[in-house]
Amino acid sequence: MAKSAQMYKEAYGDETIYITSTGNYDYSGAGWRAGDKTILVNVAMADGNFIRLPEATTDHLGLHVKVVLGIAVLDRLYVGFVDSVIQGAAVAVGDTDEGQGSSLDYATFIADNGDGYNSIKFDLDTVAFAGGTGGTVLDFWYTGAADVVLYKGNLISEIDNPTIATHATTTAVNAY
């Protein structure tokens, strides 16, 4: 494949990125444009690690980034941005014994643009940051608007009665 065609494919094409070792991952300079990028996390991310996504700019119109956790994080994991804000919602399902859940085992979270949330936080030990177990999926859509990313989270948790009340934070993802 010619170099220019390869560059086009990397910037605009669909791609799956595998994370197989713990650590911080910064994709802010990846040069991604439109297309689907899936980040498949196949390692129990260590306490305090982050995954930084590209900031929302007009150049990112049509970019969709999906973060899929294939295994539970060890404790705290942060996913998000330094400047861009998250607008959208998440739904959490939790149940320690993995049996039939009650109405208390489901929770929702909603973020408006004006809330100023820059990152998603998982902490397996708390109901307010519940999620992060294998099967958790985070979708981020870039509309071409600067500094705004649309978000949908499908969260799986081993916590009974998750609230996800503080699922998102106003802290830059690399500032933890």
N, C-alpha and C. Protein backbone atom coordinates (compact mmCIF):
# COMPACT_ATOMS: atom_id res chain seq x y z
N MET A 1 0.84 -1.16 0.00
CA MET A 1 0.00 0.00 0.00
C MET A 1 0.90 1.24 0.00
N ALA A 2 0.59 2.18 -0.84
CA ALA A 2 1.36 3.41 -0.91
C ALA A 2 1.26 4.16 0.42
N LYS A 3 2.29 4.92 0.72
CA LYS A 3 2.33 5.62 2.01
C LYS A 3 1.14 6.56 2.18
N SER A 4 0.75 7.28 1.15
CA SER A 4 -0.38 8.21 1.28
C SER A 4 -1.68 7.44 1.52
N ALA A 5 -1.85 6.28 0.88
CA ALA A 5 -3.04 5.47 1.12
C ALA A 5 -3.04 4.92 2.53
N GLN A 6 -1.88 4.52 3.03
CA GLN A 6 -1.78 4.01 4.40
C GLN A 6 -2.11 5.11 5.40
N MET A 7 -1.62 6.33 5.18
CA MET A 7 -1.92 7.44 6.06
C MET A 7 -3.41 7.72 6.06
N TYR A 8 -4.05 7.67 4.89
CA TYR A 8 -5.49 7.89 4.78
C TYR A 8 -6.25 6.85 5.58
N LYS A 9 -5.85 5.58 5.45
CA LYS A 9 -6.51 4.49 6.16
C LYS A 9 -6.39 4.68 7.66
N GLU A 10 -5.20 5.05 8.15
CA GLU A 10 -5.01 5.23 9.59
C GLU A 10 -5.80 6.42 10.12
N ALA A 11 -5.89 7.49 9.38
CA ALA A 11 -6.59 8.67 9.85
C ALA A 11 -8.10 8.52 9.72
N TYR A 12 -8.59 7.88 8.64
CA TYR A 12 -10.01 7.87 8.37
C TYR A 12 -10.66 6.49 8.49
N GLY A 13 -9.90 5.43 8.47
CA GLY A 13 -10.47 4.10 8.45
C GLY A 13 -10.84 3.57 9.82
N ASP A 14 -11.59 2.47 9.78
CA ASP A 14 -11.94 1.78 11.01
C ASP A 14 -10.70 1.05 11.53
N GLU A 15 -10.59 0.97 12.85
CA GLU A 15 -9.40 0.37 13.43
C GLU A 15 -9.72 -0.11 14.84
N THR A 16 -9.13 -1.24 15.22
CA THR A 16 -9.21 -1.73 16.59
C THR A 16 -7.82 -1.65 17.20
N ILE A 17 -7.75 -1.02 18.36
CA ILE A 17 -6.50 -0.85 19.09
C ILE A 17 -6.60 -1.71 20.34
N TYR A 18 -5.61 -2.58 20.55
CA TYR A 18 -5.61 -3.46 21.70
C TYR A 18 -4.68 -2.93 22.78
N ILE A 19 -5.22 -2.78 23.99
CA ILE A 19 -4.41 -2.43 25.14
C ILE A 19 -4.21 -3.72 25.93
N THR A 20 -2.96 -4.17 26.00
CA THR A 20 -2.67 -5.44 26.67
C THR A 20 -1.69 -5.30 27.83
N SER A 21 -1.31 -4.07 28.15
CA SER A 21 -0.47 -3.86 29.34
C SER A 21 -0.97 -2.61 30.06
N THR A 22 -0.88 -2.65 31.36
CA THR A 22 -1.36 -1.55 32.18
C THR A 22 -0.49 -0.32 31.96
N GLY A 23 -1.03 0.84 32.20
CA GLY A 23 -0.31 2.09 32.02
C GLY A 23 -1.25 3.18 31.55
N ASN A 24 -0.71 4.37 31.34
CA ASN A 24 -1.48 5.49 30.80
C ASN A 24 -1.37 5.48 29.29
N TYR A 25 -2.49 5.77 28.62
CA TYR A 25 -2.52 5.79 27.16
C TYR A 25 -3.06 7.14 26.70
N ASP A 26 -2.28 7.82 25.88
CA ASP A 26 -2.63 9.15 25.41
C ASP A 26 -2.79 9.10 23.89
N TYR A 27 -4.04 9.16 23.42
CA TYR A 27 -4.34 9.16 21.99
C TYR A 27 -4.68 10.55 21.48
N SER A 28 -4.37 11.59 22.27
CA SER A 28 -4.74 12.95 21.88
C SER A 28 -4.03 13.41 20.61
N GLY A 29 -2.88 12.86 20.30
CA GLY A 29 -2.15 13.25 19.10
C GLY A 29 -2.19 12.20 18.01
N ALA A 30 -3.17 11.31 18.05
CA ALA A 30 -3.20 10.18 17.12
C ALA A 30 -3.52 10.57 15.68
N GLY A 31 -4.07 11.75 15.45
CA GLY A 31 -4.38 12.18 14.09
C GLY A 31 -5.61 11.51 13.50
N TRP A 32 -6.47 10.96 14.34
CA TRP A 32 -7.68 10.31 13.85
C TRP A 32 -8.64 11.33 13.29
N ARG A 33 -9.35 10.95 12.26
CA ARG A 33 -10.39 11.78 11.66
C ARG A 33 -11.69 10.99 11.71
N ALA A 34 -12.48 11.00 10.68
CA ALA A 34 -13.75 10.27 10.64
C ALA A 34 -13.49 8.77 10.63
N GLY A 35 -14.46 8.01 11.10
CA GLY A 35 -14.35 6.56 11.12
C GLY A 35 -14.55 6.04 12.53
N ASP A 36 -14.52 4.72 12.64
CA ASP A 36 -14.72 4.05 13.92
C ASP A 36 -13.39 3.55 14.46
N LYS A 37 -13.08 3.94 15.66
CA LYS A 37 -11.89 3.45 16.37
C LYS A 37 -12.38 2.72 17.61
N THR A 38 -11.98 1.48 17.78
CA THR A 38 -12.34 0.72 18.97
C THR A 38 -11.08 0.48 19.78
N ILE A 39 -11.13 0.86 21.04
CA ILE A 39 -10.03 0.60 21.96
C ILE A 39 -10.50 -0.55 22.85
N LEU A 40 -9.91 -1.71 22.65
CA LEU A 40 -10.27 -2.90 23.40
C LEU A 40 -9.24 -3.12 24.50
N VAL A 41 -9.68 -2.98 25.74
CA VAL A 41 -8.79 -3.08 26.89
C VAL A 41 -8.81 -4.52 27.39
N ASN A 42 -7.72 -5.23 27.16
CA ASN A 42 -7.61 -6.65 27.52
C ASN A 42 -6.64 -6.86 28.67
N VAL A 43 -6.65 -5.96 29.63
CA VAL A 43 -5.79 -6.05 30.81
C VAL A 43 -6.52 -5.34 31.96
N ALA A 44 -6.28 -5.82 33.16
CA ALA A 44 -6.85 -5.16 34.34
C ALA A 44 -6.03 -3.89 34.60
N MET A 45 -6.53 -2.76 34.13
CA MET A 45 -5.80 -1.51 34.26
C MET A 45 -5.52 -1.21 35.73
N ALA A 46 -4.30 -0.76 36.00
CA ALA A 46 -3.85 -0.49 37.37
C ALA A 46 -4.55 0.75 37.94
N ASP A 47 -4.53 0.84 39.23
CA ASP A 47 -5.16 1.93 39.95
C ASP A 47 -4.59 3.27 39.50
N GLY A 48 -5.48 4.16 39.04
CA GLY A 48 -5.07 5.50 38.66
C GLY A 48 -4.66 5.67 37.21
N ASN A 49 -4.73 4.64 36.39
CA ASN A 49 -4.39 4.77 34.96
C ASN A 49 -5.46 5.56 34.22
N PHE A 50 -5.07 6.14 33.07
CA PHE A 50 -6.04 6.87 32.25
C PHE A 50 -5.88 6.50 30.78
N ILE A 51 -6.98 6.72 30.05
CA ILE A 51 -6.99 6.65 28.59
C ILE A 51 -7.46 8.01 28.12
N ARG A 52 -6.56 8.77 27.52
CA ARG A 52 -6.89 10.10 27.01
C ARG A 52 -7.26 9.98 25.53
N LEU A 53 -8.42 10.52 25.19
CA LEU A 53 -8.91 10.48 23.81
C LEU A 53 -8.61 11.80 23.11
N PRO A 54 -8.68 11.82 21.77
CA PRO A 54 -8.45 13.08 21.04
C PRO A 54 -9.46 14.15 21.47
N GLU A 55 -9.00 15.37 21.55
CA GLU A 55 -9.89 16.48 21.86
C GLU A 55 -10.83 16.71 20.67
N ALA A 56 -12.03 17.20 20.96
CA ALA A 56 -13.00 17.47 19.90
C ALA A 56 -12.63 18.75 19.18
N THR A 57 -12.47 18.64 17.87
CA THR A 57 -12.21 19.79 17.00
C THR A 57 -13.10 19.66 15.77
N THR A 58 -13.13 20.69 14.95
CA THR A 58 -13.92 20.63 13.72
C THR A 58 -13.37 19.57 12.77
N ASP A 59 -12.08 19.23 12.88
CA ASP A 59 -11.48 18.19 12.04
C ASP A 59 -11.96 16.79 12.38
N HIS A 60 -12.55 16.61 13.57
CA HIS A 60 -12.97 15.28 14.01
C HIS A 60 -14.41 14.93 13.65
N LEU A 61 -15.05 15.72 12.81
CA LEU A 61 -16.43 15.45 12.41
C LEU A 61 -16.53 14.01 11.90
N GLY A 62 -17.41 13.22 12.50
CA GLY A 62 -17.64 11.85 12.07
C GLY A 62 -16.79 10.81 12.77
N LEU A 63 -15.93 11.20 13.69
CA LEU A 63 -15.13 10.24 14.44
C LEU A 63 -15.98 9.61 15.53
N HIS A 64 -15.87 8.30 15.68
CA HIS A 64 -16.54 7.55 16.74
C HIS A 64 -15.49 6.69 17.42
N VAL A 65 -15.30 6.90 18.71
CA VAL A 65 -14.35 6.11 19.49
C VAL A 65 -15.14 5.29 20.50
N LYS A 66 -14.91 3.98 20.47
CA LYS A 66 -15.55 3.06 21.40
C LYS A 66 -14.46 2.46 22.28
N VAL A 67 -14.66 2.54 23.59
CA VAL A 67 -13.74 1.94 24.55
C VAL A 67 -14.49 0.75 25.17
N VAL A 68 -13.92 -0.44 25.01
CA VAL A 68 -14.54 -1.67 25.50
C VAL A 68 -13.60 -2.30 26.53
N LEU A 69 -14.13 -2.54 27.72
CA LEU A 69 -13.33 -3.20 28.75
C LEU A 69 -13.60 -4.70 28.67
N GLY A 70 -12.57 -5.46 28.32
CA GLY A 70 -12.68 -6.90 28.20
C GLY A 70 -12.45 -7.60 29.52
N ILE A 71 -11.95 -6.89 30.49
CA ILE A 71 -11.67 -7.43 31.82
C ILE A 71 -11.83 -6.28 32.81
N ALA A 72 -12.17 -6.59 34.04
CA ALA A 72 -12.39 -5.55 35.04
C ALA A 72 -11.10 -4.79 35.34
N VAL A 73 -11.24 -3.49 35.56
CA VAL A 73 -10.09 -2.69 35.98
C VAL A 73 -9.73 -3.08 37.41
N LEU A 74 -8.47 -2.88 37.80
CA LEU A 74 -8.06 -3.23 39.16
C LEU A 74 -8.75 -2.36 40.20
N ASP A 75 -8.88 -1.09 39.93
CA ASP A 75 -9.56 -0.19 40.86
C ASP A 75 -10.02 1.04 40.10
N ARG A 76 -9.22 2.10 40.06
CA ARG A 76 -9.65 3.34 39.41
C ARG A 76 -9.06 3.46 38.00
N LEU A 77 -9.93 3.83 37.06
CA LEU A 77 -9.54 4.11 35.68
C LEU A 77 -10.29 5.35 35.22
N TYR A 78 -9.59 6.20 34.45
CA TYR A 78 -10.18 7.44 33.94
C TYR A 78 -10.12 7.41 32.43
N VAL A 79 -11.21 7.83 31.78
CA VAL A 79 -11.28 7.90 30.32
C VAL A 79 -11.84 9.26 29.96
N GLY A 80 -11.18 9.97 29.02
CA GLY A 80 -11.74 11.25 28.63
C GLY A 80 -10.75 12.21 28.04
N PHE A 81 -10.87 13.46 28.45
CA PHE A 81 -10.24 14.58 27.77
C PHE A 81 -9.61 15.55 28.76
N VAL A 82 -8.83 16.47 28.23
CA VAL A 82 -8.28 17.55 29.03
C VAL A 82 -9.17 18.78 28.90
N ASP A 83 -9.58 19.13 27.68
CA ASP A 83 -10.38 20.34 27.44
C ASP A 83 -11.81 20.06 27.00
N SER A 84 -12.03 19.04 26.21
CA SER A 84 -13.37 18.76 25.68
C SER A 84 -14.31 18.31 26.79
N VAL A 85 -15.59 18.63 26.62
CA VAL A 85 -16.59 18.25 27.61
C VAL A 85 -17.51 17.16 27.04
N ILE A 86 -18.03 16.37 27.95
CA ILE A 86 -18.86 15.22 27.62
C ILE A 86 -20.33 15.61 27.78
N GLN A 87 -21.12 15.25 26.77
CA GLN A 87 -22.56 15.47 26.82
C GLN A 87 -23.23 14.15 26.47
N GLY A 88 -24.07 13.64 27.36
CA GLY A 88 -24.74 12.37 27.08
C GLY A 88 -25.18 11.68 28.34
N ALA A 89 -25.15 10.33 28.30
CA ALA A 89 -25.71 9.56 29.42
C ALA A 89 -25.06 8.20 29.53
N ALA A 90 -25.27 7.58 30.70
CA ALA A 90 -24.80 6.23 30.95
C ALA A 90 -25.86 5.48 31.74
N VAL A 91 -25.87 4.18 31.55
CA VAL A 91 -26.73 3.28 32.31
C VAL A 91 -25.83 2.23 32.94
N ALA A 92 -26.02 1.97 34.23
CA ALA A 92 -25.22 0.98 34.94
C ALA A 92 -26.11 -0.17 35.40
N VAL A 93 -25.56 -1.36 35.29
CA VAL A 93 -26.18 -2.56 35.83
C VAL A 93 -25.19 -3.16 36.81
N GLY A 94 -25.63 -3.40 38.03
CA GLY A 94 -24.75 -3.97 39.02
C GLY A 94 -25.44 -5.01 39.86
N ASP A 95 -24.70 -6.02 40.28
CA ASP A 95 -25.24 -7.05 41.16
C ASP A 95 -24.09 -7.94 41.59
N THR A 96 -23.78 -7.94 42.87
CA THR A 96 -22.63 -8.67 43.38
C THR A 96 -22.71 -10.17 43.10
N ASP A 97 -23.89 -10.77 43.27
CA ASP A 97 -23.98 -12.22 43.09
C ASP A 97 -24.32 -12.62 41.65
N GLU A 98 -24.40 -11.64 40.77
CA GLU A 98 -24.65 -11.86 39.34
C GLU A 98 -25.95 -12.61 39.09
N GLY A 99 -26.88 -12.52 40.03
CA GLY A 99 -28.19 -13.13 39.87
C GLY A 99 -29.17 -12.12 39.30
N GLN A 100 -30.44 -12.44 39.38
CA GLN A 100 -31.48 -11.52 38.90
C GLN A 100 -31.43 -10.24 39.72
N GLY A 101 -31.23 -9.14 39.07
CA GLY A 101 -31.12 -7.87 39.76
C GLY A 101 -32.46 -7.32 40.21
N SER A 102 -32.41 -6.46 41.20
CA SER A 102 -33.61 -5.75 41.65
C SER A 102 -33.59 -4.37 41.00
N SER A 103 -34.64 -3.60 41.23
CA SER A 103 -34.69 -2.25 40.65
C SER A 103 -33.56 -1.38 41.18
N LEU A 104 -32.98 -1.72 42.33
CA LEU A 104 -31.88 -0.94 42.88
C LEU A 104 -30.55 -1.23 42.19
N ASP A 105 -30.50 -2.26 41.36
CA ASP A 105 -29.26 -2.63 40.68
C ASP A 105 -29.09 -1.93 39.34
N TYR A 106 -29.92 -0.92 39.07
CA TYR A 106 -29.84 -0.16 37.82
C TYR A 106 -29.75 1.32 38.15
N ALA A 107 -28.91 2.04 37.43
CA ALA A 107 -28.76 3.47 37.68
C ALA A 107 -28.50 4.19 36.36
N THR A 108 -28.80 5.48 36.33
CA THR A 108 -28.55 6.30 35.15
C THR A 108 -27.77 7.55 35.53
N PHE A 109 -27.11 8.10 34.53
CA PHE A 109 -26.33 9.33 34.69
C PHE A 109 -26.54 10.16 33.43
N ILE A 110 -26.75 11.45 33.58
CA ILE A 110 -26.94 12.34 32.43
C ILE A 110 -26.01 13.54 32.59
N ALA A 111 -25.37 13.93 31.47
CA ALA A 111 -24.47 15.09 31.47
C ALA A 111 -24.86 16.04 30.35
N ASP A 112 -25.09 17.29 30.70
CA ASP A 112 -25.31 18.34 29.72
C ASP A 112 -23.99 19.03 29.44
N ASN A 113 -23.90 19.68 28.29
CA ASN A 113 -22.68 20.38 27.90
C ASN A 113 -22.25 21.37 28.98
N GLY A 114 -23.18 22.06 29.55
CA GLY A 114 -22.86 23.07 30.56
C GLY A 114 -22.32 22.51 31.87
N ASP A 115 -22.41 21.19 32.06
CA ASP A 115 -21.89 20.59 33.29
C ASP A 115 -20.37 20.60 33.34
N GLY A 116 -19.73 20.65 32.20
CA GLY A 116 -18.28 20.77 32.14
C GLY A 116 -17.51 19.51 32.48
N TYR A 117 -18.11 18.33 32.29
CA TYR A 117 -17.41 17.08 32.59
C TYR A 117 -16.37 16.76 31.53
N ASN A 118 -15.14 16.50 31.98
CA ASN A 118 -14.04 16.16 31.07
C ASN A 118 -13.70 14.68 31.05
N SER A 119 -14.09 13.94 32.09
CA SER A 119 -13.67 12.55 32.14
C SER A 119 -14.68 11.66 32.84
N ILE A 120 -14.58 10.39 32.50
CA ILE A 120 -15.36 9.33 33.13
C ILE A 120 -14.44 8.66 34.13
N LYS A 121 -14.96 8.35 35.30
CA LYS A 121 -14.14 7.72 36.34
C LYS A 121 -14.81 6.42 36.78
N PHE A 122 -14.02 5.36 36.80
CA PHE A 122 -14.47 4.10 37.37
C PHE A 122 -13.69 3.83 38.64
N ASP A 123 -14.39 3.38 39.66
CA ASP A 123 -13.76 2.93 40.90
C ASP A 123 -14.56 1.73 41.36
N LEU A 124 -13.99 0.56 41.23
CA LEU A 124 -14.72 -0.67 41.52
C LEU A 124 -15.19 -0.78 42.96
N ASP A 125 -14.66 0.06 43.84
CA ASP A 125 -14.98 -0.03 45.26
C ASP A 125 -16.12 0.90 45.70
N THR A 126 -16.68 1.69 44.81
CA THR A 126 -17.69 2.66 45.22
C THR A 126 -18.93 2.58 44.32
N VAL A 127 -20.09 2.86 44.89
CA VAL A 127 -21.33 2.85 44.12
C VAL A 127 -21.43 4.08 43.22
N ALA A 128 -20.83 5.20 43.62
CA ALA A 128 -20.94 6.44 42.86
C ALA A 128 -20.12 6.42 41.57
N PHE A 129 -19.06 5.62 41.51
CA PHE A 129 -18.22 5.49 40.32
C PHE A 129 -18.27 4.06 39.78
N ALA A 130 -19.37 3.36 40.03
CA ALA A 130 -19.49 1.95 39.66
C ALA A 130 -19.35 1.75 38.16
N GLY A 131 -18.97 0.56 37.79
CA GLY A 131 -18.72 0.20 36.39
C GLY A 131 -17.29 -0.25 36.25
N GLY A 132 -16.89 -0.53 35.06
CA GLY A 132 -15.50 -0.92 34.85
C GLY A 132 -15.26 -2.41 34.85
N THR A 133 -16.32 -3.21 34.95
CA THR A 133 -16.18 -4.65 34.86
C THR A 133 -16.20 -5.03 33.38
N GLY A 134 -15.65 -6.20 33.05
CA GLY A 134 -15.64 -6.66 31.67
C GLY A 134 -17.02 -6.59 31.05
N GLY A 135 -17.09 -6.07 29.85
CA GLY A 135 -18.35 -5.86 29.15
C GLY A 135 -18.81 -4.41 29.17
N THR A 136 -18.15 -3.56 29.96
CA THR A 136 -18.46 -2.13 29.97
C THR A 136 -18.06 -1.53 28.62
N VAL A 137 -18.96 -0.72 28.03
CA VAL A 137 -18.71 -0.11 26.72
C VAL A 137 -18.99 1.39 26.82
N LEU A 138 -18.02 2.18 26.38
CA LEU A 138 -18.16 3.64 26.33
C LEU A 138 -18.07 4.08 24.88
N ASP A 139 -19.06 4.82 24.41
CA ASP A 139 -19.07 5.34 23.05
C ASP A 139 -18.94 6.85 23.07
N PHE A 140 -18.04 7.38 22.24
CA PHE A 140 -17.82 8.82 22.13
C PHE A 140 -17.96 9.21 20.66
N TRP A 141 -18.86 10.16 20.36
CA TRP A 141 -19.07 10.63 18.99
C TRP A 141 -18.64 12.08 18.90
N TYR A 142 -17.92 12.38 17.83
CA TYR A 142 -17.43 13.72 17.55
C TYR A 142 -18.29 14.33 16.45
N THR A 143 -18.97 15.44 16.77
CA THR A 143 -19.92 16.05 15.84
C THR A 143 -19.31 17.14 14.96
N GLY A 144 -18.05 17.45 15.19
CA GLY A 144 -17.42 18.54 14.47
C GLY A 144 -17.46 19.84 15.25
N ALA A 145 -18.16 19.85 16.37
CA ALA A 145 -18.17 21.02 17.25
C ALA A 145 -16.92 20.98 18.12
N ALA A 146 -16.27 22.11 18.25
CA ALA A 146 -15.07 22.18 19.07
C ALA A 146 -15.41 21.96 20.53
N ASP A 147 -14.62 21.12 21.19
CA ASP A 147 -14.67 20.89 22.63
C ASP A 147 -15.94 20.23 23.16
N VAL A 148 -16.75 19.58 22.30
CA VAL A 148 -17.94 18.86 22.75
C VAL A 148 -17.93 17.46 22.15
N VAL A 149 -18.09 16.46 23.02
CA VAL A 149 -18.15 15.07 22.57
C VAL A 149 -19.44 14.46 23.12
N LEU A 150 -20.19 13.79 22.25
CA LEU A 150 -21.40 13.09 22.69
C LEU A 150 -21.00 11.73 23.26
N TYR A 151 -21.70 11.31 24.30
CA TYR A 151 -21.28 10.13 25.06
C TYR A 151 -22.46 9.23 25.38
N LYS A 152 -22.22 7.92 25.30
CA LYS A 152 -23.17 6.92 25.80
C LYS A 152 -22.37 5.82 26.48
N GLY A 153 -22.72 5.50 27.71
CA GLY A 153 -22.02 4.45 28.43
C GLY A 153 -22.97 3.33 28.83
N ASN A 154 -22.54 2.11 28.58
CA ASN A 154 -23.23 0.91 29.07
C ASN A 154 -22.29 0.26 30.07
N LEU A 155 -22.61 0.42 31.35
CA LEU A 155 -21.69 0.05 32.41
C LEU A 155 -22.11 -1.24 33.09
N ILE A 156 -21.14 -2.10 33.32
CA ILE A 156 -21.34 -3.33 34.05
C ILE A 156 -20.55 -3.22 35.35
N SER A 157 -21.19 -3.57 36.47
CA SER A 157 -20.55 -3.40 37.76
C SER A 157 -20.78 -4.61 38.65
N GLU A 158 -19.84 -4.89 39.50
CA GLU A 158 -19.98 -5.94 40.50
C GLU A 158 -20.47 -5.37 41.83
N ILE A 159 -20.95 -4.14 41.82
CA ILE A 159 -21.43 -3.46 43.02
C ILE A 159 -22.95 -3.58 43.09
N ASP A 160 -23.47 -3.91 44.25
CA ASP A 160 -24.92 -3.85 44.45
C ASP A 160 -25.35 -2.39 44.52
N ASN A 161 -26.49 -2.10 43.97
CA ASN A 161 -27.14 -0.79 44.07
C ASN A 161 -26.24 0.37 43.62
N PRO A 162 -25.69 0.31 42.40
CA PRO A 162 -24.86 1.43 41.94
C PRO A 162 -25.69 2.70 41.81
N THR A 163 -25.06 3.84 42.05
CA THR A 163 -25.75 5.12 41.85
C THR A 163 -25.17 5.87 40.67
N ILE A 164 -23.92 5.66 40.37
CA ILE A 164 -23.12 6.39 39.38
C ILE A 164 -23.36 7.90 39.44
N ALA A 165 -23.65 8.39 40.64
CA ALA A 165 -23.95 9.80 40.85
C ALA A 165 -22.79 10.70 40.43
N THR A 166 -21.58 10.22 40.55
CA THR A 166 -20.41 11.02 40.18
C THR A 166 -19.60 10.28 39.12
N HIS A 167 -20.30 9.70 38.16
CA HIS A 167 -19.69 8.92 37.08
C HIS A 167 -18.71 9.75 36.26
N ALA A 168 -19.04 11.00 36.04
CA ALA A 168 -18.16 11.91 35.28
C ALA A 168 -17.63 12.97 36.22
N THR A 169 -16.45 13.51 35.87
CA THR A 169 -15.83 14.52 36.69
C THR A 169 -15.38 15.70 35.83
N THR A 170 -15.14 16.82 36.47
CA THR A 170 -14.65 18.01 35.77
C THR A 170 -13.13 18.06 35.76
N THR A 171 -12.48 17.02 36.24
CA THR A 171 -11.03 16.96 36.27
C THR A 171 -10.49 16.46 34.93
N ALA A 172 -9.48 17.13 34.39
CA ALA A 172 -8.85 16.68 33.15
C ALA A 172 -8.33 15.26 33.34
N VAL A 173 -8.47 14.45 32.30
CA VAL A 173 -8.15 13.03 32.43
C VAL A 173 -6.69 12.77 32.80
N ASN A 174 -5.79 13.66 32.47
CA ASN A 174 -4.37 13.44 32.78
C ASN A 174 -3.94 14.13 34.07
N ALA A 175 -4.89 14.64 34.85
CA ALA A 175 -4.55 15.39 36.05
C ALA A 175 -4.75 14.60 37.34
N TYR A 176 -5.05 13.33 37.25
CA TYR A 176 -5.30 12.52 38.45
C TYR A 176 -4.01 12.07 39.08
